[in-house]
N, C-alpha and C. Protein backbone atom coordinates (compact mmCIF):
# COMPACT_ATOMS: atom_id res chain seq x y z
N MET A 1 96.00 39.74 108.28
CA MET A 1 96.09 38.00 108.28
C MET A 1 96.85 38.12 109.15
N LYS A 2 97.50 36.91 109.72
CA LYS A 2 98.51 36.82 111.20
C LYS A 2 99.50 35.79 110.63
N ILE A 3 101.00 35.84 110.49
CA ILE A 3 101.93 34.77 110.43
C ILE A 3 102.29 34.00 111.38
N ASP A 4 101.56 32.66 111.05
CA ASP A 4 102.02 31.87 112.42
C ASP A 4 103.37 31.55 111.87
N PHE A 5 104.78 32.08 113.29
CA PHE A 5 105.80 31.57 112.95
C PHE A 5 106.22 30.16 113.40
N LYS A 6 105.60 30.01 114.19
CA LYS A 6 105.82 28.41 114.91
C LYS A 6 105.22 27.40 113.41
N SER A 7 104.16 28.04 113.04
CA SER A 7 104.50 26.72 111.82
C SER A 7 105.12 26.93 110.91
N LEU A 8 105.57 28.43 110.82
CA LEU A 8 106.98 28.57 109.65
C LEU A 8 108.30 27.71 110.48
N ARG A 9 108.41 27.50 111.50
CA ARG A 9 109.47 27.29 111.87
C ARG A 9 109.73 25.90 112.08
N LYS A 10 108.27 25.17 111.89
CA LYS A 10 107.69 23.64 111.05
C LYS A 10 108.71 23.28 110.10
N ILE A 11 108.20 24.02 109.56
CA ILE A 11 108.15 23.96 108.13
C ILE A 11 109.66 24.51 107.50
N PHE A 12 110.87 24.99 107.81
CA PHE A 12 111.99 25.11 107.98
C PHE A 12 112.77 23.79 108.55
N ARG A 13 112.04 23.35 110.00
CA ARG A 13 112.98 22.26 110.28
C ARG A 13 113.11 21.14 109.42
N GLY A 14 111.29 20.91 108.94
CA GLY A 14 111.36 19.46 108.15
C GLY A 14 109.81 18.82 109.22
N GLU A 15 109.82 20.00 110.12
CA GLU A 15 109.22 18.75 110.87
C GLU A 15 107.15 18.95 110.10
N PHE A 16 107.21 18.50 109.42
CA PHE A 16 105.38 19.15 108.58
C PHE A 16 105.62 16.92 108.09
N HIS A 17 104.22 17.19 108.06
CA HIS A 17 103.60 16.35 107.39
C HIS A 17 103.45 16.02 106.45
N LYS A 18 103.65 14.88 105.84
CA LYS A 18 103.88 14.95 103.99
C LYS A 18 101.61 14.99 103.82
N SER A 19 101.36 15.19 104.82
CA SER A 19 99.81 15.50 104.19
C SER A 19 99.86 17.03 103.93
N HIS A 20 100.23 17.53 104.18
CA HIS A 20 99.97 19.32 104.28
C HIS A 20 100.86 19.53 102.88
N LEU A 21 101.61 18.58 102.36
CA LEU A 21 101.95 19.14 100.63
C LEU A 21 101.47 18.82 99.77
N HIS A 22 100.30 18.07 99.97
CA HIS A 22 98.99 17.92 98.76
C HIS A 22 97.87 19.34 98.96
N VAL A 23 97.96 19.78 99.95
CA VAL A 23 97.09 20.52 100.61
C VAL A 23 97.02 21.80 99.81
N ILE A 24 96.15 22.34 98.93
CA ILE A 24 96.04 23.86 98.20
C ILE A 24 95.64 24.83 99.36
N SER A 25 96.27 26.10 100.13
CA SER A 25 96.09 26.56 101.05
C SER A 25 96.37 28.04 101.00
N PRO A 26 95.77 28.97 99.96
CA PRO A 26 96.49 30.27 99.97
C PRO A 26 96.67 30.94 100.69
N GLU A 27 96.38 30.55 102.27
CA GLU A 27 96.97 31.60 103.45
C GLU A 27 98.34 30.96 103.02
N GLN A 28 98.32 29.78 102.88
CA GLN A 28 99.91 29.33 103.05
C GLN A 28 101.06 29.60 101.94
N ASP A 29 100.69 29.80 100.63
CA ASP A 29 100.92 30.46 99.79
C ASP A 29 101.93 31.77 100.21
N TRP A 30 100.87 32.75 100.80
CA TRP A 30 100.51 34.49 100.63
C TRP A 30 101.91 34.19 101.66
N LYS A 31 101.93 33.22 102.92
CA LYS A 31 103.05 33.53 104.04
C LYS A 31 104.08 33.29 102.81
N PHE A 32 104.63 31.79 102.19
CA PHE A 32 105.54 31.66 101.06
C PHE A 32 106.24 32.92 100.92
N ILE A 33 105.05 33.74 100.26
CA ILE A 33 105.39 34.40 99.25
C ILE A 33 106.30 35.73 100.12
N VAL A 34 104.85 36.72 101.16
CA VAL A 34 105.53 37.08 102.00
C VAL A 34 107.15 37.02 102.62
N LEU A 35 107.30 35.78 103.09
CA LEU A 35 108.19 35.88 104.06
C LEU A 35 109.76 35.40 102.72
N SER A 36 109.05 35.02 101.69
CA SER A 36 110.48 35.46 100.59
C SER A 36 110.65 36.71 100.42
N PHE A 37 109.68 37.36 100.26
CA PHE A 37 109.62 38.87 99.71
C PHE A 37 110.69 39.25 100.71
N PHE A 38 110.39 39.09 101.81
CA PHE A 38 111.35 40.04 102.54
C PHE A 38 112.65 39.59 103.05
N VAL A 39 113.11 37.74 102.82
CA VAL A 39 114.20 37.55 102.88
C VAL A 39 115.16 38.40 101.83
N LEU A 40 114.47 38.47 100.89
CA LEU A 40 115.25 38.40 99.84
C LEU A 40 115.32 39.83 99.64
N ALA A 41 114.63 40.65 100.32
CA ALA A 41 114.53 42.55 100.64
C ALA A 41 115.92 42.32 101.00
N LEU A 42 115.77 41.78 102.30
CA LEU A 42 117.37 41.45 103.35
C LEU A 42 118.73 41.15 102.48
N LEU A 43 118.71 40.20 101.89
CA LEU A 43 119.67 39.75 100.92
C LEU A 43 119.92 41.53 100.07
N LEU A 44 119.58 41.98 99.38
CA LEU A 44 119.92 42.50 98.37
C LEU A 44 120.01 43.94 98.97
N GLY A 45 119.48 44.34 100.24
CA GLY A 45 119.90 45.11 100.92
C GLY A 45 121.54 45.44 101.53
N ALA A 46 121.70 43.85 102.11
CA ALA A 46 122.81 44.02 102.30
C ALA A 46 124.11 43.84 101.45
N LEU A 47 123.38 43.33 100.51
CA LEU A 47 124.61 42.99 99.14
C LEU A 47 124.75 44.47 98.56
N SER A 48 123.80 45.65 98.75
CA SER A 48 124.07 47.03 98.24
C SER A 48 124.99 47.69 99.52
N THR A 49 125.18 47.47 100.56
CA THR A 49 125.21 48.23 101.69
C THR A 49 126.76 47.52 101.51
N PHE A 50 127.19 46.71 101.53
CA PHE A 50 128.66 45.87 101.19
C PHE A 50 129.28 46.76 100.18
N LEU A 51 128.45 46.21 99.15
CA LEU A 51 128.81 47.09 97.99
C LEU A 51 129.24 47.97 97.99
N PHE A 52 128.20 49.31 98.38
CA PHE A 52 128.62 50.54 98.68
C PHE A 52 129.76 50.93 99.68
N PHE A 53 129.97 50.45 100.66
CA PHE A 53 131.26 50.45 101.25
C PHE A 53 132.72 49.79 100.75
N LYS A 54 131.98 48.94 99.89
CA LYS A 54 133.88 48.84 99.56
C LYS A 54 134.14 49.70 98.13
N ILE A 55 133.03 50.25 97.28
CA ILE A 55 133.28 51.05 96.15
C ILE A 55 133.77 52.38 96.67
N ASN A 56 133.50 52.45 98.08
CA ASN A 56 133.44 53.77 98.60
C ASN A 56 135.25 54.23 99.11
N LYS A 57 135.61 52.68 99.81
CA LYS A 57 136.56 52.76 100.42
C LYS A 57 137.66 52.48 99.37
N GLY A 58 137.59 52.26 98.11
CA GLY A 58 137.90 51.93 97.22
C GLY A 58 138.88 50.76 96.26
N GLU A 59 138.62 49.83 97.42
CA GLU A 59 138.80 48.30 97.41
C GLU A 59 138.57 47.31 96.25
N ILE A 60 137.04 48.08 95.20
CA ILE A 60 136.73 47.12 94.34
C ILE A 60 136.57 48.25 93.45
N PHE A 61 136.63 48.06 91.89
CA PHE A 61 136.39 48.81 91.09
C PHE A 61 137.29 49.49 90.81
N ASN A 62 138.29 49.95 91.13
CA ASN A 62 139.22 50.81 91.26
C ASN A 62 139.40 51.22 89.74
N THR A 63 139.72 52.68 89.75
CA THR A 63 139.57 53.22 88.52
C THR A 63 140.85 54.26 88.55
N GLU A 64 141.55 54.27 87.73
CA GLU A 64 142.83 54.92 87.70
C GLU A 64 142.81 56.37 86.97
N GLN A 65 142.93 56.70 87.07
CA GLN A 65 143.59 58.34 86.50
C GLN A 65 144.27 58.29 85.47
N LYS A 66 143.46 58.64 84.38
CA LYS A 66 144.35 58.53 82.51
C LYS A 66 144.38 59.82 82.75
N VAL A 67 145.40 60.36 82.31
CA VAL A 67 146.46 61.98 81.89
C VAL A 67 146.54 61.45 80.77
N GLN A 68 145.40 63.10 80.28
CA GLN A 68 145.41 63.58 78.91
C GLN A 68 146.81 63.46 78.26
N GLY A 69 147.45 62.83 77.02
CA GLY A 69 148.49 63.36 76.68
C GLY A 69 148.17 64.06 74.77
N GLU A 70 148.95 63.00 74.32
CA GLU A 70 149.25 63.73 72.59
C GLU A 70 147.89 63.54 72.15
N GLY A 71 147.71 61.89 72.73
CA GLY A 71 146.55 61.63 71.73
C GLY A 71 144.72 62.39 71.53
N SER A 72 144.55 63.67 72.62
CA SER A 72 143.71 64.11 72.94
C SER A 72 143.10 65.33 72.24
N ARG A 73 144.57 65.79 70.68
CA ARG A 73 144.14 67.24 70.45
C ARG A 73 143.31 66.67 69.28
N ILE A 74 142.65 68.27 68.94
CA ILE A 74 141.65 68.15 67.95
C ILE A 74 142.12 68.46 67.02
N ASP A 75 141.48 67.82 65.42
CA ASP A 75 141.99 68.00 63.98
C ASP A 75 141.26 68.99 63.44
N SER A 76 141.88 69.90 63.53
CA SER A 76 141.34 71.54 63.03
C SER A 76 140.76 70.98 61.60
N GLN A 77 141.67 70.79 60.91
CA GLN A 77 141.27 70.70 59.43
C GLN A 77 139.63 70.16 59.40
N LYS A 78 139.30 68.51 59.93
CA LYS A 78 137.99 68.03 60.00
C LYS A 78 137.22 69.20 60.96
N LEU A 79 137.39 69.66 61.97
CA LEU A 79 136.63 70.93 62.84
C LEU A 79 136.32 71.54 61.65
N SER A 80 136.92 72.14 60.75
CA SER A 80 136.67 73.28 60.00
C SER A 80 136.40 72.93 59.17
N GLU A 81 136.01 71.14 58.20
CA GLU A 81 135.08 70.87 57.87
C GLU A 81 133.89 70.87 58.31
N THR A 82 133.83 70.18 59.43
CA THR A 82 132.67 69.86 59.90
C THR A 82 131.42 71.58 60.07
N VAL A 83 132.57 72.50 60.85
CA VAL A 83 131.77 73.77 61.12
C VAL A 83 131.27 74.61 59.56
N GLY A 84 131.54 74.28 58.46
CA GLY A 84 131.55 74.49 57.09
C GLY A 84 130.52 73.77 56.43
N ARG A 85 130.69 72.88 56.78
CA ARG A 85 128.92 72.28 56.16
C ARG A 85 128.12 72.77 57.46
N PHE A 86 127.96 72.84 58.90
CA PHE A 86 126.97 73.59 58.97
C PHE A 86 126.39 75.43 58.80
N GLU A 87 127.51 75.68 58.65
CA GLU A 87 127.12 76.96 57.58
C GLU A 87 127.00 76.98 56.56
N ALA A 88 126.97 75.90 55.87
CA ALA A 88 125.88 76.03 54.33
C ALA A 88 124.99 75.75 54.97
N LYS A 89 124.32 74.60 55.51
CA LYS A 89 123.10 74.38 56.35
C LYS A 89 122.64 75.58 56.65
N LYS A 90 122.73 76.47 57.22
CA LYS A 90 122.70 77.35 57.69
C LYS A 90 122.60 78.68 56.62
N ALA A 91 122.84 78.90 55.54
CA ALA A 91 122.59 79.60 54.26
C ALA A 91 121.26 79.07 53.46
N ASN A 92 121.73 77.86 53.59
CA ASN A 92 120.50 77.29 52.75
C ASN A 92 119.10 77.82 53.58
N LEU A 93 119.06 77.31 54.67
CA LEU A 93 117.57 77.66 56.16
C LEU A 93 117.29 78.88 55.69
N LEU A 94 118.52 80.06 55.70
CA LEU A 94 118.14 81.02 55.56
C LEU A 94 117.16 81.81 54.44
N GLU A 95 117.62 80.96 53.24
CA GLU A 95 117.53 81.26 51.89
C GLU A 95 116.13 80.70 51.61
N PHE A 96 115.86 79.53 52.07
CA PHE A 96 114.16 79.33 52.01
C PHE A 96 113.19 80.10 52.63
N GLU A 97 113.82 80.28 54.03
CA GLU A 97 112.59 81.06 54.70
C GLU A 97 112.65 82.23 53.78
N GLN A 98 113.42 83.20 53.41
CA GLN A 98 113.91 84.79 52.59
C GLN A 98 112.50 84.37 51.35
N ASN A 99 112.90 82.88 50.62
CA ASN A 99 111.91 83.16 49.65
C ASN A 99 110.90 81.65 49.28
N LYS A 100 110.35 82.64 50.72
CA LYS A 100 108.64 81.88 50.51
C LYS A 100 107.61 82.14 49.66
N LYS A 101 107.21 80.87 48.61
CA LYS A 101 106.35 80.92 47.49
C LYS A 101 104.94 80.40 48.17
N SER A 102 104.07 81.48 47.90
CA SER A 102 102.81 80.97 48.40
C SER A 102 101.66 80.25 46.96
N PHE A 103 101.62 79.71 47.57
CA PHE A 103 100.80 78.86 46.69
C PHE A 103 99.13 79.40 46.91
N PRO A 104 98.35 78.72 45.67
CA PRO A 104 96.73 79.39 45.94
C PRO A 104 96.21 78.50 46.57
N ASP A 105 95.44 78.54 47.15
CA ASP A 105 94.69 77.17 47.54
C ASP A 105 93.51 76.43 46.34
N PRO A 106 93.99 75.25 46.10
CA PRO A 106 92.69 74.84 45.01
C PRO A 106 91.67 74.74 45.28
N SER A 107 90.74 74.46 46.43
CA SER A 107 89.91 74.13 47.28
C SER A 107 88.72 75.43 46.98
N LEU A 108 89.40 76.46 46.58
CA LEU A 108 88.61 77.64 46.51
C LEU A 108 88.26 78.36 44.99
């Protein structure tokens, strides 16, 4: 499929006939779709590059380093309660594994 850039220029300059508006042409539709895709891809690439360099330099989306202070201490009581719960679960699991009950197969 060849793209006729002269006709595309005429379309964008407004030098097309009104009779062309009512003609259904798959070739013209595909040209529009492909051209729109490339324009959109170029715009997104340019925006991505712009944002990358701005963020890399620290000009936008600047984050400040937070200093860890008194608020980051761990509550040892809650930690020991949580560890105790997991130890109890572990003990229950070991008990179930050791006390396996065998049931007779009712189909036999």
